[in-house]
């Protein structure tokens, strides 16, 4: 098996179970502006994307008009802060042990996300996950100029830990965009998981190296 030194792991749906609250909130925020869009459509079209970009792309799909995107994004951001205050967040089954085991094998773990830094830190605080214990770095949409599927977040993760060869990197996520991000970065392994936003048939379109039920199953690969 490839000598993987760095694991770049998506957050919601891959390592963290937050009951799809982000996509449920995004659906509500869009529909507040007079649109009629289902959660299934939002999951299919928006999973893994930076959220303003996701809203813009969704509006283009459903009516070709993106002028409401900024206002909807503001509405979404406010609703999400409120939702998160009362949310029961937990790790995806087996994830915490997986992270600790990978750390014990001296692999670097970077959590990356299309969320803002503020939202990502809210999630980590609720889980009580600590940098250098559960993970080595967090990279969010705020840290890069291009959102996924651009490889910029993975390149930044590699730079942080002086890893110059992309084949030593594993990228895992629950959306097609995660897998595209990994392939665009030239990662040695791309792993899709069924614990989040998208189905096996959707994920197969991105041709990941593996499709697993949860990220903890990657221990068998590594």
N, C-alpha and C. Protein backbone atom coordinates (compact mmCIF):
# COMPACT_ATOMS: atom_id res chain seq x y z
N UNK A 1 0.84 -1.20 0.00
CA UNK A 1 0.00 0.00 0.00
C UNK A 1 0.87 1.24 0.00
N UNK A 2 0.35 2.30 -0.59
CA UNK A 2 1.10 3.56 -0.68
C UNK A 2 1.51 4.05 0.71
N UNK A 3 2.65 4.72 0.76
CA UNK A 3 3.14 5.26 2.03
C UNK A 3 2.46 6.60 2.29
N UNK A 4 1.30 6.55 2.92
CA UNK A 4 0.51 7.76 3.18
C UNK A 4 1.05 8.45 4.44
N UNK A 5 1.41 9.72 4.28
CA UNK A 5 1.94 10.49 5.41
C UNK A 5 0.94 11.53 5.92
N UNK A 6 0.00 11.94 5.04
CA UNK A 6 -0.94 13.01 5.38
C UNK A 6 -2.35 12.58 5.00
N UNK A 7 -3.28 12.73 5.94
CA UNK A 7 -4.69 12.49 5.67
C UNK A 7 -5.42 13.83 5.70
N UNK A 8 -6.07 14.17 4.59
CA UNK A 8 -6.88 15.39 4.52
C UNK A 8 -8.34 14.93 4.53
N UNK A 9 -9.02 15.24 5.64
CA UNK A 9 -10.36 14.70 5.88
C UNK A 9 -11.39 15.81 5.93
N UNK A 10 -12.44 15.66 5.16
CA UNK A 10 -13.57 16.56 5.24
C UNK A 10 -14.19 16.46 6.64
N UNK A 11 -14.97 17.47 7.02
CA UNK A 11 -15.57 17.49 8.36
C UNK A 11 -16.99 16.90 8.36
N UNK A 12 -18.01 17.73 8.12
CA UNK A 12 -19.40 17.27 8.26
C UNK A 12 -19.69 16.12 7.29
N UNK A 13 -20.20 15.02 7.83
CA UNK A 13 -20.55 13.87 7.01
C UNK A 13 -19.43 12.88 6.83
N UNK A 14 -18.19 13.31 7.13
CA UNK A 14 -17.02 12.43 6.96
C UNK A 14 -16.43 12.07 8.32
N UNK A 15 -16.16 13.08 9.12
CA UNK A 15 -15.64 12.83 10.48
C UNK A 15 -16.67 13.20 11.54
N UNK A 16 -17.60 14.11 11.19
CA UNK A 16 -18.53 14.67 12.17
C UNK A 16 -19.97 14.48 11.70
N UNK A 17 -20.80 14.01 12.63
CA UNK A 17 -22.24 13.86 12.35
C UNK A 17 -22.97 15.05 12.94
N UNK A 18 -23.45 15.94 12.06
CA UNK A 18 -24.24 17.08 12.54
C UNK A 18 -25.63 17.06 11.91
N UNK A 19 -26.05 15.83 11.54
CA UNK A 19 -27.43 15.59 11.09
C UNK A 19 -27.82 16.45 9.89
N UNK A 20 -26.83 16.71 9.02
CA UNK A 20 -27.10 17.51 7.80
C UNK A 20 -27.70 18.88 8.09
N UNK A 21 -27.42 19.41 9.28
CA UNK A 21 -28.07 20.68 9.66
C UNK A 21 -27.69 21.81 8.71
N UNK A 22 -26.47 21.78 8.18
CA UNK A 22 -26.04 22.84 7.26
C UNK A 22 -26.92 22.84 6.01
N UNK A 23 -27.14 21.65 5.44
CA UNK A 23 -27.91 21.59 4.20
C UNK A 23 -29.40 21.80 4.45
N UNK A 24 -29.87 21.37 5.62
CA UNK A 24 -31.27 21.66 5.99
C UNK A 24 -31.46 23.18 6.14
N UNK A 25 -30.49 23.83 6.78
CA UNK A 25 -30.57 25.28 6.98
C UNK A 25 -30.46 26.01 5.64
N UNK A 26 -29.57 25.53 4.78
CA UNK A 26 -29.41 26.15 3.46
C UNK A 26 -30.71 26.03 2.66
N UNK A 27 -31.35 24.86 2.75
CA UNK A 27 -32.63 24.66 2.07
C UNK A 27 -33.66 25.68 2.56
N UNK A 28 -33.77 25.81 3.88
CA UNK A 28 -34.72 26.77 4.46
C UNK A 28 -34.41 28.20 4.02
N UNK A 29 -33.12 28.54 4.03
CA UNK A 29 -32.71 29.91 3.70
C UNK A 29 -33.07 30.26 2.25
N UNK A 30 -32.90 29.30 1.36
CA UNK A 30 -33.26 29.51 -0.06
C UNK A 30 -34.78 29.64 -0.19
N UNK A 31 -35.50 28.76 0.47
CA UNK A 31 -36.96 28.76 0.35
C UNK A 31 -37.60 29.97 1.02
N UNK A 32 -36.92 30.56 2.00
CA UNK A 32 -37.39 31.81 2.61
C UNK A 32 -37.52 32.93 1.58
N UNK A 33 -36.76 32.81 0.48
CA UNK A 33 -36.77 33.85 -0.56
C UNK A 33 -37.72 33.50 -1.70
N UNK A 34 -38.67 32.59 -1.43
CA UNK A 34 -39.71 32.32 -2.41
C UNK A 34 -39.41 31.20 -3.38
N UNK A 35 -38.26 30.53 -3.19
CA UNK A 35 -37.94 29.39 -4.05
C UNK A 35 -38.56 28.13 -3.46
N UNK A 36 -38.66 27.10 -4.26
CA UNK A 36 -39.13 25.80 -3.76
C UNK A 36 -38.08 24.77 -4.15
N UNK A 37 -37.24 24.42 -3.18
CA UNK A 37 -36.16 23.48 -3.44
C UNK A 37 -36.16 22.45 -2.32
N UNK A 38 -35.88 21.19 -2.66
CA UNK A 38 -35.91 20.11 -1.66
C UNK A 38 -34.52 19.90 -1.06
N UNK A 39 -34.50 19.28 0.11
CA UNK A 39 -33.22 18.93 0.74
C UNK A 39 -32.42 18.00 -0.16
N UNK A 40 -33.10 17.06 -0.82
CA UNK A 40 -32.40 16.12 -1.71
C UNK A 40 -31.68 16.86 -2.83
N UNK A 41 -32.34 17.87 -3.39
CA UNK A 41 -31.72 18.67 -4.45
C UNK A 41 -30.50 19.42 -3.92
N UNK A 42 -30.62 19.98 -2.71
CA UNK A 42 -29.50 20.72 -2.11
C UNK A 42 -28.33 19.78 -1.84
N UNK A 43 -28.61 18.60 -1.30
CA UNK A 43 -27.53 17.63 -1.03
C UNK A 43 -26.84 17.22 -2.33
N UNK A 44 -27.63 17.00 -3.36
CA UNK A 44 -27.07 16.55 -4.64
C UNK A 44 -26.23 17.65 -5.30
N UNK A 45 -26.69 18.90 -5.22
CA UNK A 45 -26.04 20.00 -5.96
C UNK A 45 -24.97 20.74 -5.17
N UNK A 46 -25.09 20.76 -3.83
CA UNK A 46 -24.28 21.69 -3.04
C UNK A 46 -23.26 21.02 -2.13
N UNK A 47 -23.32 19.71 -1.98
CA UNK A 47 -22.46 19.03 -1.00
C UNK A 47 -20.99 19.32 -1.25
N UNK A 48 -20.30 19.73 -0.19
CA UNK A 48 -18.86 19.94 -0.25
C UNK A 48 -18.43 21.31 -0.72
N UNK A 49 -19.34 22.10 -1.26
CA UNK A 49 -18.98 23.41 -1.81
C UNK A 49 -18.92 24.47 -0.72
N UNK A 50 -18.12 25.49 -0.96
CA UNK A 50 -18.18 26.70 -0.13
C UNK A 50 -19.59 27.23 -0.27
N UNK A 51 -20.17 27.73 0.83
CA UNK A 51 -21.63 27.87 0.87
C UNK A 51 -22.18 29.03 0.03
N UNK A 52 -21.50 30.14 -0.08
CA UNK A 52 -21.98 31.21 -0.97
C UNK A 52 -21.94 30.72 -2.42
N UNK A 53 -20.86 30.03 -2.75
CA UNK A 53 -20.73 29.48 -4.10
C UNK A 53 -21.82 28.43 -4.35
N UNK A 54 -22.13 27.64 -3.31
CA UNK A 54 -23.18 26.61 -3.43
C UNK A 54 -24.53 27.25 -3.72
N UNK A 55 -24.85 28.32 -2.99
CA UNK A 55 -26.14 29.00 -3.17
C UNK A 55 -26.21 29.62 -4.56
N UNK A 56 -25.13 30.26 -4.98
CA UNK A 56 -25.08 30.88 -6.31
C UNK A 56 -25.31 29.83 -7.40
N UNK A 57 -24.60 28.71 -7.26
CA UNK A 57 -24.70 27.63 -8.24
C UNK A 57 -26.12 27.04 -8.26
N UNK A 58 -26.71 26.87 -7.08
CA UNK A 58 -28.06 26.32 -6.98
C UNK A 58 -29.08 27.23 -7.65
N UNK A 59 -28.98 28.55 -7.40
CA UNK A 59 -29.92 29.50 -8.02
C UNK A 59 -29.79 29.50 -9.54
N UNK A 60 -28.56 29.38 -10.03
CA UNK A 60 -28.35 29.30 -11.49
C UNK A 60 -29.06 28.07 -12.05
N UNK A 61 -28.97 26.96 -11.31
CA UNK A 61 -29.59 25.72 -11.76
C UNK A 61 -31.11 25.82 -11.81
N UNK A 62 -31.69 26.42 -10.75
CA UNK A 62 -33.15 26.36 -10.66
C UNK A 62 -33.87 27.49 -11.40
N UNK A 63 -33.19 28.65 -11.56
CA UNK A 63 -33.90 29.68 -12.34
C UNK A 63 -32.99 30.59 -13.15
N UNK A 64 -31.70 30.25 -13.18
CA UNK A 64 -30.77 31.02 -13.99
C UNK A 64 -30.46 32.40 -13.46
N UNK A 65 -30.94 32.70 -12.25
CA UNK A 65 -30.77 34.05 -11.70
C UNK A 65 -30.10 33.96 -10.33
N UNK A 66 -28.93 34.60 -10.21
CA UNK A 66 -28.16 34.46 -8.97
C UNK A 66 -28.19 35.73 -8.11
N UNK A 67 -29.05 36.69 -8.44
CA UNK A 67 -28.95 37.99 -7.76
C UNK A 67 -29.33 37.93 -6.28
N UNK A 68 -30.10 36.92 -5.87
CA UNK A 68 -30.47 36.79 -4.46
C UNK A 68 -29.40 36.08 -3.62
N UNK A 69 -28.33 35.61 -4.25
CA UNK A 69 -27.38 34.72 -3.56
C UNK A 69 -26.79 35.35 -2.30
N UNK A 70 -26.35 36.60 -2.38
CA UNK A 70 -25.71 37.23 -1.21
C UNK A 70 -26.67 37.37 -0.04
N UNK A 71 -27.89 37.79 -0.33
CA UNK A 71 -28.90 37.96 0.74
C UNK A 71 -29.26 36.61 1.35
N UNK A 72 -29.38 35.59 0.51
CA UNK A 72 -29.69 34.25 1.02
C UNK A 72 -28.55 33.73 1.87
N UNK A 73 -27.32 33.99 1.45
CA UNK A 73 -26.15 33.56 2.22
C UNK A 73 -26.14 34.20 3.61
N UNK A 74 -26.49 35.47 3.67
CA UNK A 74 -26.57 36.16 4.98
C UNK A 74 -27.64 35.52 5.86
N UNK A 75 -28.79 35.27 5.26
CA UNK A 75 -29.89 34.62 5.96
C UNK A 75 -29.45 33.24 6.47
N UNK A 76 -28.81 32.48 5.60
CA UNK A 76 -28.29 31.15 5.94
C UNK A 76 -27.30 31.22 7.12
N UNK A 77 -26.37 32.15 7.05
CA UNK A 77 -25.34 32.27 8.09
C UNK A 77 -25.95 32.57 9.46
N UNK A 78 -26.94 33.46 9.48
CA UNK A 78 -27.61 33.79 10.74
C UNK A 78 -28.39 32.59 11.28
N UNK A 79 -29.13 31.93 10.41
CA UNK A 79 -29.91 30.75 10.84
C UNK A 79 -29.00 29.64 11.35
N UNK A 80 -27.85 29.48 10.69
CA UNK A 80 -26.94 28.39 11.05
C UNK A 80 -26.34 28.61 12.44
N UNK A 81 -25.97 29.86 12.74
CA UNK A 81 -25.42 30.17 14.08
C UNK A 81 -26.42 29.74 15.15
N UNK A 82 -27.69 30.06 14.90
CA UNK A 82 -28.74 29.72 15.86
C UNK A 82 -28.91 28.20 15.96
N UNK A 83 -28.92 27.53 14.81
CA UNK A 83 -29.09 26.08 14.80
C UNK A 83 -27.98 25.38 15.58
N UNK A 84 -26.77 25.87 15.38
CA UNK A 84 -25.61 25.22 16.00
C UNK A 84 -25.59 25.37 17.52
N UNK A 85 -26.17 26.45 18.02
CA UNK A 85 -26.17 26.65 19.47
C UNK A 85 -26.88 25.50 20.19
N UNK A 86 -27.91 24.94 19.57
CA UNK A 86 -28.71 23.89 20.22
C UNK A 86 -28.41 22.49 19.67
N UNK A 87 -27.42 22.39 18.80
CA UNK A 87 -27.21 21.15 18.07
C UNK A 87 -26.40 20.13 18.86
N UNK A 88 -26.84 18.87 18.79
CA UNK A 88 -26.08 17.77 19.36
C UNK A 88 -25.14 17.24 18.27
N UNK A 89 -23.87 17.55 18.41
CA UNK A 89 -22.87 17.15 17.42
C UNK A 89 -22.09 15.96 17.98
N UNK A 90 -21.87 14.95 17.14
CA UNK A 90 -21.07 13.82 17.60
C UNK A 90 -20.15 13.33 16.48
N UNK A 91 -19.10 12.60 16.83
CA UNK A 91 -18.24 12.05 15.77
C UNK A 91 -18.99 10.96 15.01
N UNK A 92 -18.70 10.82 13.72
CA UNK A 92 -19.16 9.65 12.98
C UNK A 92 -18.60 8.42 13.69
N UNK A 93 -19.39 7.37 13.75
CA UNK A 93 -19.02 6.17 14.49
C UNK A 93 -17.60 5.69 14.16
N UNK A 94 -16.77 5.54 15.20
CA UNK A 94 -15.41 5.02 15.04
C UNK A 94 -14.35 6.06 14.71
N UNK A 95 -14.78 7.30 14.44
CA UNK A 95 -13.85 8.31 13.94
C UNK A 95 -12.80 8.72 14.98
N UNK A 96 -13.23 8.90 16.21
CA UNK A 96 -12.28 9.39 17.21
C UNK A 96 -11.12 8.42 17.40
N UNK A 97 -11.44 7.13 17.50
CA UNK A 97 -10.38 6.11 17.62
C UNK A 97 -9.50 6.10 16.38
N UNK A 98 -10.11 6.25 15.21
CA UNK A 98 -9.35 6.27 13.96
C UNK A 98 -8.34 7.42 13.97
N UNK A 99 -8.80 8.61 14.35
CA UNK A 99 -7.89 9.77 14.39
C UNK A 99 -6.73 9.52 15.35
N UNK A 100 -7.03 9.03 16.53
CA UNK A 100 -5.99 8.79 17.54
C UNK A 100 -5.01 7.70 17.07
N UNK A 101 -5.53 6.67 16.41
CA UNK A 101 -4.67 5.60 15.89
C UNK A 101 -3.76 6.11 14.78
N UNK A 102 -4.30 6.94 13.89
CA UNK A 102 -3.48 7.50 12.81
C UNK A 102 -2.39 8.42 13.38
N UNK A 103 -2.76 9.20 14.38
CA UNK A 103 -1.77 10.08 15.05
C UNK A 103 -0.68 9.23 15.70
N UNK A 104 -1.07 8.11 16.29
CA UNK A 104 -0.10 7.23 16.95
C UNK A 104 0.87 6.62 15.94
N UNK A 105 0.44 6.54 14.67
CA UNK A 105 1.32 6.03 13.60
C UNK A 105 2.10 7.17 12.92
N UNK A 106 2.05 8.36 13.56
CA UNK A 106 2.80 9.54 13.07
C UNK A 106 2.32 10.05 11.72
N UNK A 107 1.07 9.77 11.40
CA UNK A 107 0.49 10.38 10.19
C UNK A 107 -0.10 11.74 10.58
N UNK A 108 0.05 12.70 9.69
CA UNK A 108 -0.52 14.02 9.92
C UNK A 108 -1.99 14.03 9.48
N UNK A 109 -2.81 14.70 10.26
CA UNK A 109 -4.24 14.78 9.95
C UNK A 109 -4.64 16.24 9.81
N UNK A 110 -5.20 16.58 8.66
CA UNK A 110 -5.73 17.92 8.43
C UNK A 110 -7.23 17.80 8.18
N UNK A 111 -8.01 18.54 8.94
CA UNK A 111 -9.44 18.64 8.67
C UNK A 111 -9.66 19.80 7.71
N UNK A 112 -10.41 19.55 6.63
CA UNK A 112 -10.68 20.66 5.71
C UNK A 112 -12.17 20.71 5.40
N UNK A 113 -12.64 21.91 5.08
CA UNK A 113 -14.08 22.12 4.97
C UNK A 113 -14.42 23.32 4.10
N UNK A 114 -15.61 23.26 3.50
CA UNK A 114 -16.14 24.42 2.78
C UNK A 114 -16.83 25.42 3.71
N UNK A 115 -16.83 25.13 5.01
CA UNK A 115 -17.38 26.07 5.99
C UNK A 115 -16.43 27.23 6.24
N UNK A 116 -16.95 28.26 6.89
CA UNK A 116 -16.09 29.33 7.40
C UNK A 116 -15.33 28.81 8.62
N UNK A 117 -14.29 29.53 8.98
CA UNK A 117 -13.50 29.19 10.17
C UNK A 117 -14.37 29.22 11.43
N UNK A 118 -15.27 30.19 11.50
CA UNK A 118 -16.13 30.34 12.69
C UNK A 118 -17.00 29.09 12.89
N UNK A 119 -17.63 28.63 11.82
CA UNK A 119 -18.50 27.46 11.92
C UNK A 119 -17.69 26.21 12.23
N UNK A 120 -16.54 26.06 11.57
CA UNK A 120 -15.70 24.89 11.80
C UNK A 120 -15.25 24.81 13.26
N UNK A 121 -14.87 25.95 13.82
CA UNK A 121 -14.43 25.97 15.23
C UNK A 121 -15.59 25.66 16.18
N UNK A 122 -16.80 26.11 15.82
CA UNK A 122 -17.98 25.79 16.63
C UNK A 122 -18.16 24.27 16.72
N UNK A 123 -18.00 23.60 15.58
CA UNK A 123 -18.15 22.15 15.54
C UNK A 123 -17.08 21.48 16.40
N UNK A 124 -15.84 21.90 16.25
CA UNK A 124 -14.73 21.29 16.99
C UNK A 124 -14.88 21.52 18.49
N UNK A 125 -15.34 22.70 18.86
CA UNK A 125 -15.55 23.00 20.28
C UNK A 125 -16.63 22.09 20.88
N UNK A 126 -17.69 21.85 20.12
CA UNK A 126 -18.77 20.98 20.61
C UNK A 126 -18.27 19.55 20.82
N UNK A 127 -17.35 19.11 19.97
CA UNK A 127 -16.80 17.76 20.07
C UNK A 127 -15.67 17.67 21.10
N UNK A 128 -15.14 18.84 21.46
CA UNK A 128 -13.96 18.90 22.33
C UNK A 128 -12.75 18.24 21.65
N UNK A 129 -12.66 18.40 20.33
CA UNK A 129 -11.49 17.93 19.60
C UNK A 129 -10.42 19.00 19.64
N UNK A 130 -9.19 18.57 19.97
CA UNK A 130 -8.09 19.51 20.17
C UNK A 130 -7.01 19.32 19.10
N UNK A 131 -6.50 20.46 18.63
CA UNK A 131 -5.36 20.42 17.71
C UNK A 131 -4.18 19.78 18.43
N UNK A 132 -3.45 18.94 17.69
CA UNK A 132 -2.28 18.17 18.14
C UNK A 132 -2.67 16.91 18.93
N UNK A 133 -3.93 16.78 19.33
CA UNK A 133 -4.39 15.53 19.95
C UNK A 133 -5.21 14.73 18.93
N UNK A 134 -6.26 15.35 18.40
CA UNK A 134 -7.14 14.67 17.44
C UNK A 134 -6.76 14.97 15.99
N UNK A 135 -6.17 16.11 15.75
CA UNK A 135 -5.79 16.51 14.39
C UNK A 135 -4.62 17.48 14.48
N UNK A 136 -3.97 17.73 13.34
CA UNK A 136 -2.77 18.59 13.32
C UNK A 136 -3.03 19.98 12.80
N UNK A 137 -4.05 20.14 11.96
CA UNK A 137 -4.38 21.47 11.43
C UNK A 137 -5.80 21.47 10.89
N UNK A 138 -6.36 22.66 10.85
CA UNK A 138 -7.70 22.89 10.28
C UNK A 138 -7.54 23.89 9.14
N UNK A 139 -8.10 23.55 7.99
CA UNK A 139 -8.08 24.47 6.85
C UNK A 139 -9.53 24.65 6.39
N UNK A 140 -9.97 25.90 6.35
CA UNK A 140 -11.36 26.20 6.00
C UNK A 140 -11.42 27.04 4.71
N UNK A 141 -12.63 27.30 4.28
CA UNK A 141 -12.84 28.13 3.08
C UNK A 141 -12.21 29.52 3.25
N UNK A 142 -12.07 29.97 4.49
CA UNK A 142 -11.48 31.30 4.74
C UNK A 142 -9.99 31.36 4.45
N UNK A 143 -9.34 30.19 4.38
CA UNK A 143 -7.88 30.15 4.27
C UNK A 143 -7.37 30.14 2.84
N UNK A 144 -8.30 30.02 1.87
CA UNK A 144 -7.88 29.87 0.47
C UNK A 144 -8.68 30.81 -0.43
N UNK A 145 -8.13 31.07 -1.60
CA UNK A 145 -8.81 31.97 -2.54
C UNK A 145 -9.73 31.21 -3.48
N UNK A 146 -9.48 29.90 -3.66
CA UNK A 146 -10.32 29.09 -4.54
C UNK A 146 -10.90 27.94 -3.75
N UNK A 147 -12.22 27.74 -3.86
CA UNK A 147 -12.87 26.68 -3.09
C UNK A 147 -12.83 25.36 -3.86
N UNK A 148 -13.17 24.28 -3.16
CA UNK A 148 -13.20 22.96 -3.79
C UNK A 148 -14.13 22.95 -5.01
N UNK A 149 -13.79 22.23 -6.06
CA UNK A 149 -12.78 21.18 -6.16
C UNK A 149 -11.36 21.65 -6.47
N UNK A 150 -11.07 22.94 -6.37
CA UNK A 150 -9.67 23.38 -6.48
C UNK A 150 -8.83 22.62 -5.45
N UNK A 151 -7.59 22.26 -5.79
CA UNK A 151 -6.73 21.55 -4.84
C UNK A 151 -6.04 22.46 -3.83
N UNK A 152 -6.43 23.73 -3.79
CA UNK A 152 -5.67 24.71 -3.00
C UNK A 152 -5.60 24.34 -1.51
N UNK A 153 -6.70 23.83 -0.94
CA UNK A 153 -6.67 23.47 0.48
C UNK A 153 -5.70 22.32 0.74
N UNK A 154 -5.67 21.35 -0.17
CA UNK A 154 -4.74 20.22 -0.01
C UNK A 154 -3.30 20.69 -0.19
N UNK A 155 -3.06 21.55 -1.16
CA UNK A 155 -1.70 22.09 -1.34
C UNK A 155 -1.24 22.85 -0.10
N UNK A 156 -2.16 23.59 0.52
CA UNK A 156 -1.82 24.32 1.74
C UNK A 156 -1.51 23.34 2.88
N UNK A 157 -2.28 22.27 2.97
CA UNK A 157 -2.03 21.23 3.99
C UNK A 157 -0.65 20.60 3.79
N UNK A 158 -0.30 20.31 2.55
CA UNK A 158 1.01 19.72 2.25
C UNK A 158 2.13 20.68 2.64
N UNK A 159 1.94 21.95 2.31
CA UNK A 159 2.95 22.97 2.61
C UNK A 159 3.19 23.09 4.12
N UNK A 160 2.09 23.01 4.90
CA UNK A 160 2.20 23.13 6.36
C UNK A 160 3.12 22.06 6.95
N UNK A 161 3.13 20.89 6.32
CA UNK A 161 3.89 19.77 6.89
C UNK A 161 5.03 19.31 5.98
N UNK A 162 5.43 20.20 5.07
CA UNK A 162 6.59 19.95 4.20
C UNK A 162 6.49 18.63 3.45
N UNK A 163 5.30 18.33 2.98
CA UNK A 163 5.10 17.14 2.15
C UNK A 163 5.03 17.60 0.70
N UNK A 164 5.99 17.17 -0.08
CA UNK A 164 6.11 17.68 -1.46
C UNK A 164 5.51 16.72 -2.49
N UNK A 165 5.28 15.47 -2.08
CA UNK A 165 4.78 14.47 -3.03
C UNK A 165 3.32 14.14 -2.73
N UNK A 166 2.46 14.49 -3.67
CA UNK A 166 1.01 14.33 -3.45
C UNK A 166 0.60 12.86 -3.32
N UNK A 167 1.42 11.94 -3.84
CA UNK A 167 1.04 10.52 -3.73
C UNK A 167 1.14 10.02 -2.28
N UNK A 168 1.68 10.85 -1.39
CA UNK A 168 1.75 10.50 0.03
C UNK A 168 0.54 11.04 0.82
N UNK A 169 -0.45 11.56 0.07
CA UNK A 169 -1.63 12.18 0.69
C UNK A 169 -2.88 11.36 0.39
N UNK A 170 -3.70 11.15 1.42
CA UNK A 170 -5.03 10.57 1.27
C UNK A 170 -6.05 11.67 1.46
N UNK A 171 -7.00 11.77 0.57
CA UNK A 171 -8.11 12.71 0.72
C UNK A 171 -9.40 11.91 0.86
N UNK A 172 -10.18 12.22 1.90
CA UNK A 172 -11.45 11.54 2.12
C UNK A 172 -12.58 12.54 2.29
N UNK A 173 -13.76 12.17 1.77
CA UNK A 173 -14.92 13.04 1.93
C UNK A 173 -16.20 12.33 1.53
N UNK A 174 -17.32 12.99 1.81
CA UNK A 174 -18.64 12.39 1.55
C UNK A 174 -19.32 12.96 0.32
N UNK A 175 -18.57 13.72 -0.51
CA UNK A 175 -19.18 14.32 -1.69
C UNK A 175 -18.25 14.17 -2.90
N UNK A 176 -18.86 14.25 -4.07
CA UNK A 176 -18.11 14.20 -5.33
C UNK A 176 -17.03 15.28 -5.35
N UNK A 177 -17.37 16.46 -4.83
CA UNK A 177 -16.41 17.57 -4.84
C UNK A 177 -15.16 17.25 -4.03
N UNK A 178 -15.33 16.52 -2.92
CA UNK A 178 -14.16 16.09 -2.14
C UNK A 178 -13.23 15.22 -2.98
N UNK A 179 -13.82 14.27 -3.70
CA UNK A 179 -13.01 13.34 -4.50
C UNK A 179 -12.34 14.09 -5.66
N UNK A 180 -13.08 15.00 -6.29
CA UNK A 180 -12.49 15.81 -7.37
C UNK A 180 -11.33 16.65 -6.85
N UNK A 181 -11.50 17.20 -5.63
CA UNK A 181 -10.43 17.97 -5.00
C UNK A 181 -9.18 17.10 -4.85
N UNK A 182 -9.37 15.87 -4.35
CA UNK A 182 -8.23 14.96 -4.16
C UNK A 182 -7.56 14.60 -5.47
N UNK A 183 -8.35 14.35 -6.48
CA UNK A 183 -7.78 13.99 -7.79
C UNK A 183 -7.05 15.19 -8.42
N UNK A 184 -7.63 16.38 -8.26
CA UNK A 184 -6.99 17.59 -8.79
C UNK A 184 -5.65 17.86 -8.12
N UNK A 185 -5.52 17.43 -6.87
CA UNK A 185 -4.26 17.61 -6.13
C UNK A 185 -3.26 16.50 -6.44
N UNK A 186 -3.71 15.44 -7.12
CA UNK A 186 -2.84 14.31 -7.42
C UNK A 186 -2.64 13.38 -6.23
N UNK A 187 -3.61 13.33 -5.32
CA UNK A 187 -3.47 12.51 -4.11
C UNK A 187 -3.28 11.03 -4.44
N UNK A 188 -2.49 10.36 -3.62
CA UNK A 188 -2.24 8.93 -3.81
C UNK A 188 -3.47 8.09 -3.61
N UNK A 189 -4.35 8.52 -2.72
CA UNK A 189 -5.59 7.80 -2.48
C UNK A 189 -6.75 8.77 -2.32
N UNK A 190 -7.87 8.45 -2.93
CA UNK A 190 -9.11 9.21 -2.69
C UNK A 190 -10.15 8.23 -2.14
N UNK A 191 -10.76 8.62 -1.04
CA UNK A 191 -11.71 7.74 -0.34
C UNK A 191 -13.03 8.48 -0.17
N UNK A 192 -14.09 7.89 -0.68
CA UNK A 192 -15.44 8.43 -0.47
C UNK A 192 -16.10 7.65 0.65
N UNK A 193 -16.90 8.34 1.45
CA UNK A 193 -17.61 7.68 2.55
C UNK A 193 -19.12 7.89 2.41
N UNK A 194 -19.86 6.88 2.90
CA UNK A 194 -21.32 6.88 2.76
C UNK A 194 -22.02 7.42 4.00
N UNK A 195 -21.26 8.07 4.89
CA UNK A 195 -21.81 8.53 6.16
C UNK A 195 -22.36 9.95 6.09
N UNK A 196 -22.35 10.54 4.88
CA UNK A 196 -22.74 11.95 4.79
C UNK A 196 -23.74 12.26 3.71
N UNK A 197 -23.41 13.23 2.87
CA UNK A 197 -24.39 13.90 2.02
C UNK A 197 -24.83 13.10 0.80
N UNK A 198 -23.93 12.32 0.21
CA UNK A 198 -24.25 11.76 -1.11
C UNK A 198 -24.26 10.24 -1.11
N UNK A 199 -24.98 9.69 -2.07
CA UNK A 199 -25.20 8.24 -2.16
C UNK A 199 -24.05 7.56 -2.90
N UNK A 200 -24.04 6.22 -2.81
CA UNK A 200 -23.01 5.45 -3.51
C UNK A 200 -23.02 5.74 -5.00
N UNK A 201 -24.21 5.78 -5.61
CA UNK A 201 -24.28 6.00 -7.07
C UNK A 201 -23.78 7.39 -7.44
N UNK A 202 -24.06 8.38 -6.59
CA UNK A 202 -23.53 9.74 -6.85
C UNK A 202 -22.01 9.75 -6.71
N UNK A 203 -21.51 9.13 -5.65
CA UNK A 203 -20.07 9.13 -5.39
C UNK A 203 -19.29 8.36 -6.45
N UNK A 204 -19.89 7.30 -6.98
CA UNK A 204 -19.21 6.49 -8.01
C UNK A 204 -18.86 7.31 -9.24
N UNK A 205 -19.65 8.37 -9.51
CA UNK A 205 -19.38 9.22 -10.68
C UNK A 205 -17.99 9.86 -10.62
N UNK A 206 -17.49 10.06 -9.40
CA UNK A 206 -16.18 10.70 -9.24
C UNK A 206 -15.03 9.69 -9.26
N UNK A 207 -15.36 8.40 -9.32
CA UNK A 207 -14.38 7.31 -9.39
C UNK A 207 -13.31 7.38 -8.29
N UNK A 208 -13.72 7.39 -7.02
CA UNK A 208 -12.73 7.34 -5.94
C UNK A 208 -12.04 5.98 -5.92
N UNK A 209 -10.89 5.90 -5.27
CA UNK A 209 -10.20 4.61 -5.15
C UNK A 209 -10.99 3.64 -4.28
N UNK A 210 -11.65 4.18 -3.27
CA UNK A 210 -12.46 3.35 -2.37
C UNK A 210 -13.75 4.09 -2.03
N UNK A 211 -14.82 3.32 -1.83
CA UNK A 211 -16.04 3.85 -1.20
C UNK A 211 -16.27 3.02 0.05
N UNK A 212 -16.24 3.66 1.20
CA UNK A 212 -16.36 2.98 2.49
C UNK A 212 -17.61 3.47 3.22
N UNK A 213 -18.07 2.68 4.18
CA UNK A 213 -19.22 3.12 4.98
C UNK A 213 -18.85 4.33 5.84
N UNK A 214 -17.71 4.22 6.52
CA UNK A 214 -17.23 5.32 7.38
C UNK A 214 -15.73 5.44 7.24
N UNK A 215 -15.19 6.56 7.64
CA UNK A 215 -13.76 6.83 7.51
C UNK A 215 -12.93 5.86 8.36
N UNK A 216 -13.49 5.35 9.45
CA UNK A 216 -12.71 4.43 10.30
C UNK A 216 -12.32 3.16 9.55
N UNK A 217 -13.08 2.80 8.52
CA UNK A 217 -12.75 1.62 7.72
C UNK A 217 -11.46 1.82 6.91
N UNK A 218 -11.02 3.06 6.76
CA UNK A 218 -9.77 3.33 6.04
C UNK A 218 -8.56 2.76 6.77
N UNK A 219 -8.73 2.47 8.06
CA UNK A 219 -7.62 1.87 8.80
C UNK A 219 -7.19 0.56 8.17
N UNK A 220 -8.17 -0.18 7.62
CA UNK A 220 -7.84 -1.44 6.96
C UNK A 220 -7.02 -1.24 5.68
N UNK A 221 -7.20 -0.11 5.02
CA UNK A 221 -6.43 0.21 3.81
C UNK A 221 -5.02 0.62 4.17
N UNK A 222 -4.90 1.34 5.29
CA UNK A 222 -3.61 1.94 5.66
C UNK A 222 -2.77 0.98 6.50
